[in-house]
Amino acid sequence: MKTLVTSVALSLALTGAALAAEGDYDDPGMHFSPPSGWEKITLAPAADTAGQSDDEQERPPVAVYAWHRGQSDQRTIAINIQHYDGSLDAFEHQRESDLRKAADGTFVDKPSKTALANGMPVYLLNVKAGTDVGHFVQRFDYLMIDGSRSIDVSYSGRQGDFGQKDATDAFSSLYVVVYPRHP
């Protein structure tokens, strides 16, 4: 019996990543499970950023999910993580500024401060962008920091197809803790 318990424990230890559901995003500081019906998109390998400081690097998303991929009501969830050592308020101001600069006709509603289910403080941004009638994009972003990184989890799609409750429900599995630092 002791051998069986040891074998099971060793098997679980060696396949720890397999314990997460397929499509989940996990790292030492966060966990996210997409809602049912969302497809994880395979991302191309990141470009080599050797020689650039962490502040100069614009990293691609670490995970992207799609709902109704290729259809007119498609929605996406993207997780973006960057090296960061500032405050949550400073990150929110910088992200809001970046979003406004990224596209003409971008409007950011007053951000609201809230918390994840585990108590981690986050900002919720409601962003609308577009200049062509019928082609407005809406997105809701959860912004947080974990002591080493800035994290932006966005939910986006065509404006009018969804609301804030859809986004916050989709973010309900999001769990972030202070990122472990090794001495």
Protein backbone atom coordinates (compact mmCIF):
# COMPACT_ATOMS: atom_id res chain seq x y z
CA MET A 1 0.00 0.00 0.00
CA LYS A 2 2.85 2.39 0.86
CA THR A 3 4.36 1.78 -2.60
CA LEU A 4 1.03 2.57 -4.27
CA VAL A 5 0.63 5.84 -2.34
CA THR A 6 4.24 6.80 -3.14
CA SER A 7 3.75 6.00 -6.83
CA VAL A 8 0.58 8.07 -7.02
CA ALA A 9 2.24 10.99 -5.21
CA LEU A 10 5.28 10.83 -7.53
CA SER A 11 3.04 10.64 -10.58
CA LEU A 12 1.08 13.69 -9.44
CA ALA A 13 4.27 15.61 -8.70
CA LEU A 14 5.73 14.85 -12.13
CA THR A 15 2.54 15.78 -13.97
CA GLY A 16 1.50 18.79 -11.89
CA ALA A 17 0.79 20.84 -14.98
CA ALA A 18 -1.61 18.15 -16.17
CA LEU A 19 -3.77 18.78 -13.11
CA ALA A 20 -4.86 22.11 -14.59
CA ALA A 21 -7.72 21.88 -17.05
CA GLU A 22 -6.74 22.07 -20.70
CA GLY A 23 -6.83 25.69 -21.79
CA ASP A 24 -6.09 27.10 -18.32
CA TYR A 25 -3.33 29.65 -17.91
CA ASP A 26 -1.12 29.05 -14.87
CA ASP A 27 2.15 30.49 -13.65
CA PRO A 28 3.59 30.88 -10.12
CA GLY A 29 1.62 34.11 -9.56
CA MET A 30 -1.70 33.59 -11.31
CA HIS A 31 -4.37 31.19 -12.51
CA PHE A 32 -7.12 31.66 -15.10
CA SER A 33 -9.69 29.17 -16.42
CA PRO A 34 -11.68 30.38 -19.43
CA PRO A 35 -15.45 30.02 -19.32
CA SER A 36 -17.05 27.02 -20.99
CA GLY A 37 -17.14 27.30 -24.78
CA TRP A 38 -13.97 29.39 -25.12
CA GLU A 39 -11.13 28.15 -27.34
CA LYS A 40 -7.48 28.72 -26.43
CA ILE A 41 -5.62 30.18 -29.39
CA THR A 42 -2.13 28.85 -30.13
CA LEU A 43 0.32 31.75 -30.17
CA ALA A 44 3.46 32.06 -32.28
CA PRO A 45 6.73 32.04 -30.34
CA ALA A 46 7.74 35.47 -29.01
CA ALA A 47 10.39 37.43 -30.91
CA ASP A 48 13.90 37.56 -29.48
CA THR A 49 14.25 40.64 -27.27
CA ALA A 50 17.88 40.08 -26.26
CA GLY A 51 19.67 43.35 -25.60
CA GLN A 52 16.50 45.23 -24.68
CA SER A 53 15.70 46.20 -21.13
CA ASP A 54 12.46 44.90 -19.60
CA ASP A 55 10.99 48.41 -19.94
CA GLU A 56 11.72 48.50 -23.70
CA GLN A 57 10.13 45.14 -24.44
CA GLU A 58 6.53 45.00 -25.60
CA ARG A 59 5.72 41.38 -24.94
CA PRO A 60 2.93 39.58 -26.77
CA PRO A 61 0.02 38.12 -24.80
CA VAL A 62 0.81 35.01 -22.78
CA ALA A 63 -2.64 33.56 -23.52
CA VAL A 64 -5.57 34.38 -25.82
CA TYR A 65 -9.02 32.79 -25.87
CA ALA A 66 -11.84 33.17 -28.41
CA TRP A 67 -15.58 32.62 -28.21
CA HIS A 68 -17.47 32.11 -31.50
CA ARG A 69 -14.18 32.44 -33.38
CA GLY A 70 -14.61 33.89 -36.87
CA GLN A 71 -18.26 34.86 -36.32
CA SER A 72 -19.72 38.36 -36.16
CA ASP A 73 -20.24 38.09 -32.40
CA GLN A 74 -16.68 36.86 -31.69
CA ARG A 75 -15.19 37.85 -28.35
CA THR A 76 -11.66 37.48 -27.07
CA ILE A 77 -9.91 37.30 -23.72
CA ALA A 78 -6.22 38.21 -23.73
CA ILE A 79 -3.74 38.01 -20.87
CA ASN A 80 -0.81 40.43 -21.12
CA ILE A 81 2.03 40.39 -18.59
CA GLN A 82 4.98 42.80 -18.46
CA HIS A 83 7.84 43.33 -16.04
CA TYR A 84 6.75 46.13 -13.67
CA ASP A 85 7.82 47.52 -10.32
CA GLY A 86 5.51 50.53 -9.86
CA SER A 87 2.19 51.03 -8.10
CA LEU A 88 -1.24 49.83 -9.23
CA ASP A 89 -2.43 53.44 -9.61
CA ALA A 90 0.57 54.29 -11.83
CA PHE A 91 -0.08 51.19 -13.96
CA GLU A 92 -3.73 52.13 -14.40
CA HIS A 93 -2.84 55.67 -15.52
CA GLN A 94 -0.19 54.39 -17.95
CA ARG A 95 -2.47 51.70 -19.41
CA GLU A 96 -5.32 54.18 -19.87
CA SER A 97 -2.94 56.55 -21.67
CA ASP A 98 -1.61 53.72 -23.88
CA LEU A 99 -5.15 52.66 -24.84
CA ARG A 100 -6.11 56.22 -25.81
CA LYS A 101 -2.98 56.58 -27.98
CA ALA A 102 -3.52 53.20 -29.69
CA ALA A 103 -6.63 54.13 -31.68
CA ASP A 104 -8.62 57.15 -32.76
CA GLY A 105 -12.01 57.51 -31.15
CA THR A 106 -11.03 55.71 -27.94
CA PHE A 107 -13.05 56.53 -24.84
CA VAL A 108 -12.19 55.19 -21.38
CA ASP A 109 -14.92 55.44 -18.74
CA LYS A 110 -13.88 56.38 -15.23
CA PRO A 111 -11.93 53.37 -13.91
CA SER A 112 -13.30 51.59 -10.86
CA LYS A 113 -11.23 49.89 -8.20
CA THR A 114 -12.42 46.45 -7.14
CA ALA A 115 -10.86 43.14 -6.07
CA LEU A 116 -10.53 39.58 -7.29
CA ALA A 117 -12.24 36.80 -5.33
CA ASN A 118 -9.00 36.24 -3.39
CA GLY A 119 -8.80 39.93 -2.41
CA MET A 120 -6.13 41.08 -4.91
CA PRO A 121 -6.91 44.73 -5.79
CA VAL A 122 -7.64 45.45 -9.45
CA TYR A 123 -8.82 48.30 -11.63
CA LEU A 124 -11.70 47.66 -14.03
CA LEU A 125 -11.55 49.71 -17.22
CA ASN A 126 -14.46 50.06 -19.66
CA VAL A 127 -13.01 51.04 -23.04
CA LYS A 128 -14.84 51.83 -26.28
CA ALA A 129 -13.04 52.47 -29.57
CA GLY A 130 -13.97 53.00 -33.19
CA THR A 131 -14.73 55.59 -35.80
CA ASP A 132 -16.91 53.73 -38.31
CA VAL A 133 -20.62 53.30 -37.66
CA GLY A 134 -21.27 49.70 -36.63
CA HIS A 135 -17.60 48.92 -36.04
CA PHE A 136 -17.17 49.96 -32.45
CA VAL A 137 -15.16 47.71 -30.18
CA GLN A 138 -15.80 47.46 -26.48
CA ARG A 139 -13.42 45.97 -23.97
CA PHE A 140 -13.25 45.52 -20.26
CA ASP A 141 -9.81 45.24 -18.68
CA TYR A 142 -8.81 44.00 -15.25
CA LEU A 143 -5.50 45.64 -14.34
CA MET A 144 -3.39 44.37 -11.45
CA ILE A 145 0.19 44.07 -10.27
CA ASP A 146 1.78 41.19 -8.43
CA GLY A 147 4.91 42.85 -7.07
CA SER A 148 7.06 42.01 -10.11
CA ARG A 149 4.69 42.31 -13.08
CA SER A 150 1.78 44.28 -14.47
CA ILE A 151 -1.11 42.09 -15.62
CA ASP A 152 -3.85 43.19 -18.02
CA VAL A 153 -6.64 40.69 -18.66
CA SER A 154 -8.99 42.04 -21.34
CA TYR A 155 -12.38 40.91 -22.62
CA SER A 156 -13.29 42.44 -25.97
CA GLY A 157 -15.73 42.24 -28.84
CA ARG A 158 -18.18 44.25 -30.88
CA GLN A 159 -19.93 46.91 -28.81
CA GLY A 160 -23.51 45.98 -27.99
CA ASP A 161 -22.92 42.20 -28.07
CA PHE A 162 -22.10 41.99 -24.35
CA GLY A 163 -21.86 44.00 -21.17
CA GLN A 164 -19.76 44.40 -18.04
CA LYS A 165 -21.43 41.42 -16.33
CA ASP A 166 -20.32 39.11 -19.17
CA ALA A 167 -16.73 40.28 -18.72
CA THR A 168 -16.66 40.08 -14.94
CA ASP A 169 -18.28 36.63 -15.04
CA ALA A 170 -15.57 35.52 -17.50
CA PHE A 171 -12.91 36.86 -15.11
CA SER A 172 -14.41 35.05 -12.08
CA SER A 173 -11.76 32.29 -12.10
CA LEU A 174 -8.88 34.78 -12.20
CA TYR A 175 -6.63 34.38 -9.19
CA VAL A 176 -3.46 36.46 -8.69
CA VAL A 177 -1.03 36.47 -5.77
CA VAL A 178 2.24 38.24 -5.11
CA TYR A 179 4.72 36.73 -7.56
CA PRO A 180 7.26 34.57 -5.74
CA ARG A 181 10.77 36.01 -5.78
CA HIS A 182 13.77 33.75 -5.39
CA PRO A 183 16.74 35.10 -3.41
